[in-house]
Amino acid sequence: MMLPSGLAESAARFGKYTANGLETPYEWAQENGNRIDTCWVNIHSSPADTSYAGSARVIAPIPEIRASMDTTFSFSLRKYATAELDRAKHPHEVDNKTELDIDYAHHGTGIASCGPGAFEGHRLEAGAFEFTTTFSPTGEEKV
């Protein structure tokens, strides 16, 4: 069923999420958790007592950082590097390293190898383009 234009995007949630809350724990390790039409995203580390920093006795305030563009963008925040997915067969086999991916554009689902390609308007065509990503401190410190 095709939703009217703009209806799916109007259902977006704003809130605070963890890397755990932004991914789907599939049985087979795979890329997931991409969020589209993002205006900005604030990121920070876990509190020192619940993170690796706490176990290493490294307790220092870590500033919250905002990532933004002058257009909407896509992002994903996962507890593993994308390159780890080629090596791992199951989620418990990936190294626990948080990775933030920020994408200016994405190609829609479908590659036409065994079904339809991406719909018109959702295709990412090769060509020159420019974009700027800004990282700035928000002024909040997390301990």
N, C-alpha and C. Protein backbone atom coordinates (compact mmCIF):
# COMPACT_ATOMS: atom_id res chain seq x y z
N MET A 1 0.84 -1.17 0.00
CA MET A 1 0.00 0.00 0.00
C MET A 1 0.88 1.23 0.00
N MET A 2 0.62 2.16 -0.87
CA MET A 2 1.40 3.39 -0.98
C MET A 2 0.73 4.48 -0.15
N LEU A 3 1.49 5.09 0.76
CA LEU A 3 0.94 6.18 1.58
C LEU A 3 0.97 7.48 0.80
N PRO A 4 0.01 8.36 1.06
CA PRO A 4 0.04 9.67 0.39
C PRO A 4 1.34 10.39 0.70
N SER A 5 1.81 11.19 -0.24
CA SER A 5 3.07 11.90 -0.08
C SER A 5 3.11 12.70 1.22
N GLY A 6 4.19 12.52 1.98
CA GLY A 6 4.37 13.27 3.21
C GLY A 6 3.78 12.63 4.45
N LEU A 7 2.88 11.64 4.29
CA LEU A 7 2.23 11.04 5.45
C LEU A 7 3.22 10.23 6.29
N ALA A 8 4.05 9.42 5.64
CA ALA A 8 5.01 8.60 6.38
C ALA A 8 6.01 9.48 7.13
N GLU A 9 6.46 10.57 6.50
CA GLU A 9 7.43 11.44 7.13
C GLU A 9 6.83 12.19 8.33
N SER A 10 5.53 12.42 8.33
CA SER A 10 4.92 13.17 9.43
C SER A 10 4.79 12.33 10.69
N ALA A 11 5.10 11.04 10.61
CA ALA A 11 4.99 10.16 11.76
C ALA A 11 6.31 10.02 12.53
N ALA A 12 7.30 10.84 12.21
CA ALA A 12 8.61 10.73 12.85
C ALA A 12 8.53 11.09 14.33
N ARG A 13 9.38 10.44 15.12
CA ARG A 13 9.45 10.70 16.55
C ARG A 13 10.68 11.53 16.87
N PHE A 14 10.51 12.46 17.79
CA PHE A 14 11.64 13.20 18.33
C PHE A 14 11.88 12.68 19.72
N GLY A 15 13.12 12.55 20.12
CA GLY A 15 13.39 12.07 21.47
C GLY A 15 14.84 11.75 21.66
N LYS A 16 15.15 11.20 22.81
CA LYS A 16 16.51 10.77 23.12
C LYS A 16 16.56 9.26 23.02
N TYR A 17 17.52 8.76 22.26
CA TYR A 17 17.66 7.34 22.02
C TYR A 17 19.10 6.92 22.27
N THR A 18 19.30 5.65 22.55
CA THR A 18 20.64 5.10 22.67
C THR A 18 20.95 4.34 21.40
N ALA A 19 22.21 3.95 21.24
CA ALA A 19 22.56 3.14 20.07
C ALA A 19 21.74 1.86 20.05
N ASN A 20 21.44 1.30 21.23
CA ASN A 20 20.60 0.10 21.30
C ASN A 20 19.21 0.36 20.75
N GLY A 21 18.66 1.53 21.01
CA GLY A 21 17.31 1.84 20.59
C GLY A 21 17.16 2.22 19.14
N LEU A 22 18.27 2.35 18.42
CA LEU A 22 18.22 2.76 17.02
C LEU A 22 18.51 1.64 16.05
N GLU A 23 18.67 0.43 16.56
CA GLU A 23 18.97 -0.68 15.67
C GLU A 23 18.00 -1.83 15.88
N THR A 24 17.95 -2.72 14.91
CA THR A 24 17.13 -3.91 15.00
C THR A 24 18.06 -5.10 15.18
N PRO A 25 17.88 -5.90 16.22
CA PRO A 25 18.79 -7.02 16.47
C PRO A 25 18.46 -8.23 15.58
N TYR A 26 18.81 -8.14 14.31
CA TYR A 26 18.57 -9.24 13.39
C TYR A 26 19.42 -10.45 13.76
N GLU A 27 18.95 -11.64 13.41
CA GLU A 27 19.68 -12.87 13.68
C GLU A 27 21.00 -12.89 12.92
N TRP A 28 21.00 -12.40 11.69
CA TRP A 28 22.19 -12.31 10.85
C TRP A 28 22.65 -10.86 10.88
N ALA A 29 23.89 -10.61 11.27
CA ALA A 29 24.40 -9.24 11.37
C ALA A 29 24.28 -8.53 10.03
N GLN A 30 23.64 -7.37 10.03
CA GLN A 30 23.45 -6.61 8.80
C GLN A 30 23.26 -5.13 9.12
N GLU A 31 23.51 -4.29 8.13
CA GLU A 31 23.37 -2.86 8.31
C GLU A 31 21.89 -2.54 8.52
N ASN A 32 21.58 -1.68 9.49
CA ASN A 32 20.20 -1.29 9.76
C ASN A 32 20.20 -0.04 10.63
N GLY A 33 19.03 0.48 10.89
CA GLY A 33 18.88 1.60 11.80
C GLY A 33 19.02 2.97 11.18
N ASN A 34 19.03 3.06 9.85
CA ASN A 34 19.16 4.37 9.21
C ASN A 34 17.94 5.23 9.47
N ARG A 35 18.14 6.47 9.83
CA ARG A 35 17.06 7.45 10.06
C ARG A 35 17.15 8.51 8.98
N ILE A 36 16.04 8.78 8.32
CA ILE A 36 16.04 9.72 7.20
C ILE A 36 15.43 11.06 7.60
N ASP A 37 15.57 12.05 6.73
CA ASP A 37 14.99 13.38 6.89
C ASP A 37 15.31 13.99 8.25
N THR A 38 16.57 13.85 8.66
CA THR A 38 17.03 14.37 9.94
C THR A 38 17.46 15.82 9.78
N CYS A 39 17.04 16.67 10.69
CA CYS A 39 17.46 18.08 10.67
C CYS A 39 18.77 18.27 11.41
N TRP A 40 18.91 17.60 12.54
CA TRP A 40 20.14 17.62 13.35
C TRP A 40 20.11 16.41 14.27
N VAL A 41 21.29 16.04 14.76
CA VAL A 41 21.39 14.94 15.73
C VAL A 41 22.45 15.33 16.75
N ASN A 42 22.12 15.16 18.03
CA ASN A 42 23.07 15.39 19.11
C ASN A 42 23.60 14.04 19.57
N ILE A 43 24.90 13.97 19.76
CA ILE A 43 25.50 12.72 20.20
C ILE A 43 26.40 12.96 21.41
N HIS A 44 26.49 11.97 22.27
CA HIS A 44 27.40 12.02 23.41
C HIS A 44 27.67 10.60 23.87
N SER A 45 28.68 10.46 24.70
CA SER A 45 29.00 9.14 25.20
C SER A 45 28.07 8.79 26.35
N SER A 46 28.10 7.54 26.74
CA SER A 46 27.32 7.09 27.90
C SER A 46 27.90 7.70 29.17
N PRO A 47 27.11 7.75 30.23
CA PRO A 47 27.68 8.19 31.51
C PRO A 47 28.88 7.31 31.86
N ALA A 48 29.86 7.91 32.50
CA ALA A 48 31.12 7.22 32.77
C ALA A 48 30.93 5.92 33.54
N ASP A 49 29.95 5.86 34.43
CA ASP A 49 29.78 4.65 35.24
C ASP A 49 29.13 3.50 34.48
N THR A 50 28.62 3.74 33.27
CA THR A 50 27.99 2.66 32.50
C THR A 50 28.73 2.35 31.21
N SER A 51 29.85 2.99 30.99
CA SER A 51 30.56 2.82 29.73
C SER A 51 31.95 2.25 29.95
N TYR A 52 32.63 2.02 28.87
CA TYR A 52 34.01 1.56 28.95
C TYR A 52 34.86 2.58 29.71
N ALA A 53 34.56 3.86 29.54
CA ALA A 53 35.33 4.90 30.23
C ALA A 53 35.31 4.68 31.74
N GLY A 54 34.17 4.27 32.26
CA GLY A 54 34.08 4.02 33.70
C GLY A 54 34.92 2.84 34.12
N SER A 55 34.91 1.76 33.34
CA SER A 55 35.69 0.59 33.71
C SER A 55 37.19 0.87 33.57
N ALA A 56 37.56 1.80 32.72
CA ALA A 56 38.97 2.16 32.56
C ALA A 56 39.36 3.28 33.52
N ARG A 57 38.42 3.68 34.36
CA ARG A 57 38.62 4.75 35.33
C ARG A 57 38.98 6.08 34.66
N VAL A 58 38.42 6.31 33.49
CA VAL A 58 38.59 7.57 32.80
C VAL A 58 37.30 8.34 33.01
N ILE A 59 37.33 9.31 33.88
CA ILE A 59 36.12 10.07 34.16
C ILE A 59 36.38 11.52 33.83
N ALA A 60 35.88 11.93 32.71
CA ALA A 60 36.04 13.31 32.26
C ALA A 60 34.75 13.73 31.59
N PRO A 61 34.36 14.99 31.74
CA PRO A 61 33.15 15.43 31.05
C PRO A 61 33.33 15.33 29.54
N ILE A 62 32.32 14.80 28.89
CA ILE A 62 32.38 14.66 27.44
C ILE A 62 31.29 15.55 26.86
N PRO A 63 31.69 16.57 26.10
CA PRO A 63 30.68 17.50 25.58
C PRO A 63 29.75 16.82 24.58
N GLU A 64 28.50 17.23 24.62
CA GLU A 64 27.54 16.76 23.63
C GLU A 64 27.85 17.52 22.34
N ILE A 65 27.77 16.82 21.21
CA ILE A 65 28.09 17.42 19.92
C ILE A 65 26.86 17.32 19.01
N ARG A 66 26.59 18.39 18.28
CA ARG A 66 25.48 18.40 17.32
C ARG A 66 26.05 18.30 15.91
N ALA A 67 25.48 17.39 15.12
CA ALA A 67 25.80 17.28 13.71
C ALA A 67 24.62 17.81 12.92
N SER A 68 24.89 18.66 11.94
CA SER A 68 23.81 19.23 11.13
C SER A 68 24.31 19.53 9.72
N MET A 69 23.36 19.69 8.82
CA MET A 69 23.63 20.10 7.44
C MET A 69 22.65 21.20 7.10
N ASP A 70 22.85 21.85 5.97
CA ASP A 70 21.89 22.88 5.56
C ASP A 70 20.72 22.27 4.78
N THR A 71 20.64 20.95 4.78
CA THR A 71 19.51 20.21 4.22
C THR A 71 19.28 19.01 5.14
N THR A 72 18.17 18.32 4.97
CA THR A 72 17.97 17.12 5.79
C THR A 72 18.96 16.04 5.34
N PHE A 73 19.24 15.11 6.22
CA PHE A 73 20.21 14.06 5.95
C PHE A 73 19.78 12.78 6.63
N SER A 74 20.53 11.72 6.39
CA SER A 74 20.28 10.43 7.03
C SER A 74 21.42 10.14 8.00
N PHE A 75 21.10 9.42 9.07
CA PHE A 75 22.16 9.00 9.98
C PHE A 75 21.82 7.65 10.57
N SER A 76 22.85 6.96 11.02
CA SER A 76 22.68 5.74 11.80
C SER A 76 23.75 5.75 12.88
N LEU A 77 23.42 5.21 14.02
CA LEU A 77 24.33 5.10 15.15
C LEU A 77 24.27 3.65 15.60
N ARG A 78 25.39 2.94 15.43
CA ARG A 78 25.42 1.52 15.77
C ARG A 78 26.59 1.24 16.69
N LYS A 79 26.50 0.13 17.40
CA LYS A 79 27.55 -0.28 18.33
C LYS A 79 28.65 -1.07 17.65
N TYR A 80 28.74 -0.98 16.34
CA TYR A 80 29.77 -1.70 15.59
C TYR A 80 30.05 -0.96 14.29
N ALA A 81 31.24 -1.19 13.76
CA ALA A 81 31.61 -0.57 12.49
C ALA A 81 30.96 -1.32 11.34
N THR A 82 30.59 -0.60 10.30
CA THR A 82 29.95 -1.22 9.14
C THR A 82 30.85 -2.31 8.55
N ALA A 83 32.15 -2.10 8.55
CA ALA A 83 33.09 -3.10 8.00
C ALA A 83 33.03 -4.42 8.76
N GLU A 84 32.63 -4.37 10.02
CA GLU A 84 32.52 -5.59 10.83
C GLU A 84 31.45 -6.54 10.28
N LEU A 85 30.48 -6.01 9.57
CA LEU A 85 29.39 -6.84 9.06
C LEU A 85 29.86 -7.88 8.05
N ASP A 86 30.91 -7.57 7.30
CA ASP A 86 31.44 -8.54 6.33
C ASP A 86 32.07 -9.73 7.03
N ARG A 87 32.62 -9.50 8.21
CA ARG A 87 33.31 -10.54 8.94
C ARG A 87 32.35 -11.38 9.80
N ALA A 88 31.39 -10.74 10.40
CA ALA A 88 30.51 -11.41 11.37
C ALA A 88 29.34 -12.11 10.70
N LYS A 89 28.93 -13.22 11.27
CA LYS A 89 27.73 -13.90 10.82
C LYS A 89 26.56 -13.64 11.75
N HIS A 90 26.86 -13.34 13.01
CA HIS A 90 25.82 -13.09 14.01
C HIS A 90 26.17 -11.84 14.81
N PRO A 91 25.17 -11.16 15.37
CA PRO A 91 25.43 -9.92 16.10
C PRO A 91 26.44 -10.04 17.23
N HIS A 92 26.50 -11.17 17.92
CA HIS A 92 27.45 -11.30 19.03
C HIS A 92 28.90 -11.41 18.56
N GLU A 93 29.12 -11.54 17.25
CA GLU A 93 30.47 -11.67 16.71
C GLU A 93 31.09 -10.34 16.28
N VAL A 94 30.35 -9.24 16.38
CA VAL A 94 30.90 -7.93 15.99
C VAL A 94 31.58 -7.27 17.17
N ASP A 95 32.64 -6.52 16.88
CA ASP A 95 33.34 -5.78 17.93
C ASP A 95 32.46 -4.62 18.39
N ASN A 96 32.47 -4.37 19.67
CA ASN A 96 31.63 -3.33 20.27
C ASN A 96 32.34 -1.97 20.18
N LYS A 97 32.16 -1.29 19.05
CA LYS A 97 32.73 0.03 18.81
C LYS A 97 31.63 0.88 18.20
N THR A 98 31.26 1.95 18.84
CA THR A 98 30.16 2.76 18.32
C THR A 98 30.60 3.53 17.08
N GLU A 99 29.73 3.53 16.06
CA GLU A 99 30.01 4.23 14.81
C GLU A 99 28.81 5.08 14.43
N LEU A 100 29.07 6.32 14.09
CA LEU A 100 28.05 7.24 13.60
C LEU A 100 28.26 7.41 12.10
N ASP A 101 27.25 7.10 11.32
CA ASP A 101 27.28 7.32 9.87
C ASP A 101 26.34 8.46 9.54
N ILE A 102 26.83 9.43 8.79
CA ILE A 102 26.00 10.55 8.34
C ILE A 102 26.04 10.55 6.82
N ASP A 103 24.87 10.51 6.21
CA ASP A 103 24.78 10.41 4.75
C ASP A 103 23.98 11.58 4.18
N TYR A 104 24.54 12.18 3.16
CA TYR A 104 23.86 13.27 2.45
C TYR A 104 22.67 12.74 1.66
N ALA A 105 22.83 11.56 1.06
CA ALA A 105 21.76 10.99 0.23
C ALA A 105 21.83 9.47 0.27
N HIS A 106 20.72 8.83 -0.04
CA HIS A 106 20.63 7.37 -0.07
C HIS A 106 19.85 6.94 -1.30
N HIS A 107 20.26 5.82 -1.89
CA HIS A 107 19.51 5.21 -2.99
C HIS A 107 18.36 4.41 -2.38
N GLY A 108 17.22 4.47 -2.98
CA GLY A 108 16.05 3.74 -2.49
C GLY A 108 16.25 2.23 -2.57
N THR A 109 15.37 1.48 -1.93
CA THR A 109 15.44 0.02 -1.91
C THR A 109 15.12 -0.54 -3.29
N GLY A 110 15.88 -1.51 -3.70
CA GLY A 110 15.65 -2.18 -4.99
C GLY A 110 16.80 -1.95 -5.93
N ILE A 111 17.37 -3.03 -6.48
CA ILE A 111 18.48 -2.89 -7.42
C ILE A 111 18.18 -3.55 -8.76
N ALA A 112 16.97 -4.08 -8.90
CA ALA A 112 16.50 -4.69 -10.15
C ALA A 112 17.28 -5.95 -10.53
N SER A 113 17.97 -6.59 -9.59
CA SER A 113 18.68 -7.83 -9.91
C SER A 113 17.71 -9.02 -9.90
N CYS A 114 16.69 -8.97 -9.05
CA CYS A 114 15.70 -10.06 -9.01
C CYS A 114 14.32 -9.48 -8.68
N GLY A 115 14.09 -8.28 -9.07
CA GLY A 115 12.82 -7.62 -8.82
C GLY A 115 12.91 -6.19 -9.33
N PRO A 116 11.97 -5.36 -8.94
CA PRO A 116 11.99 -3.99 -9.44
C PRO A 116 13.14 -3.18 -8.86
N GLY A 117 13.53 -2.16 -9.58
CA GLY A 117 14.54 -1.23 -9.08
C GLY A 117 13.88 -0.19 -8.18
N ALA A 118 14.67 0.77 -7.74
CA ALA A 118 14.13 1.85 -6.90
C ALA A 118 13.15 2.69 -7.71
N PHE A 119 12.11 3.15 -7.04
CA PHE A 119 11.11 3.99 -7.70
C PHE A 119 11.71 5.31 -8.15
N GLU A 120 11.14 5.87 -9.19
CA GLU A 120 11.53 7.19 -9.68
C GLU A 120 11.45 8.18 -8.51
N GLY A 121 12.43 9.04 -8.38
CA GLY A 121 12.46 9.98 -7.27
C GLY A 121 13.20 9.44 -6.06
N HIS A 122 13.48 8.13 -6.05
CA HIS A 122 14.22 7.51 -4.94
C HIS A 122 15.55 6.93 -5.43
N ARG A 123 15.91 7.27 -6.67
CA ARG A 123 17.16 6.77 -7.23
C ARG A 123 18.27 7.79 -6.98
N LEU A 124 19.43 7.28 -6.65
CA LEU A 124 20.60 8.13 -6.45
C LEU A 124 21.48 7.97 -7.68
N GLU A 125 21.51 8.99 -8.50
CA GLU A 125 22.27 8.95 -9.75
C GLU A 125 23.69 9.46 -9.50
N ALA A 126 24.66 8.88 -10.20
CA ALA A 126 26.05 9.33 -10.07
C ALA A 126 26.20 10.73 -10.63
N GLY A 127 27.03 11.53 -10.00
CA GLY A 127 27.29 12.88 -10.47
C GLY A 127 27.93 13.70 -9.37
N ALA A 128 28.43 14.83 -9.73
CA ALA A 128 29.09 15.72 -8.77
C ALA A 128 28.05 16.38 -7.86
N PHE A 129 28.42 16.53 -6.60
CA PHE A 129 27.56 17.24 -5.66
C PHE A 129 28.44 17.75 -4.52
N GLU A 130 27.93 18.71 -3.79
CA GLU A 130 28.64 19.27 -2.64
C GLU A 130 27.71 19.32 -1.45
N PHE A 131 28.27 19.13 -0.27
CA PHE A 131 27.51 19.30 0.96
C PHE A 131 28.49 19.62 2.08
N THR A 132 27.97 20.17 3.14
CA THR A 132 28.78 20.50 4.30
C THR A 132 28.10 19.94 5.53
N THR A 133 28.87 19.26 6.36
CA THR A 133 28.39 18.77 7.64
C THR A 133 29.06 19.60 8.71
N THR A 134 28.27 20.10 9.64
CA THR A 134 28.80 20.92 10.73
C THR A 134 28.71 20.15 12.03
N PHE A 135 29.81 20.09 12.75
CA PHE A 135 29.84 19.51 14.10
C PHE A 135 30.13 20.64 15.07
N SER A 136 29.24 20.80 16.04
CA SER A 136 29.42 21.89 17.00
C SER A 136 29.03 21.43 18.40
N PRO A 137 29.74 21.93 19.42
CA PRO A 137 29.36 21.56 20.81
C PRO A 137 28.03 22.21 21.17
N THR A 138 27.22 21.50 21.93
CA THR A 138 25.92 22.05 22.32
C THR A 138 26.01 22.84 23.63
N GLY A 139 27.14 22.72 24.32
CA GLY A 139 27.29 23.41 25.60
C GLY A 139 26.94 22.55 26.78
N GLU A 140 26.33 21.39 26.55
CA GLU A 140 25.99 20.48 27.64
C GLU A 140 27.13 19.50 27.84
N GLU A 141 27.45 19.19 29.07
CA GLU A 141 28.48 18.20 29.35
C GLU A 141 27.87 16.98 30.01
N LYS A 142 28.31 15.83 29.59
CA LYS A 142 27.84 14.56 30.16
C LYS A 142 28.99 13.97 30.97
N VAL A 143 28.72 13.53 32.16
CA VAL A 143 29.76 12.93 32.99
C VAL A 143 29.48 11.46 33.14
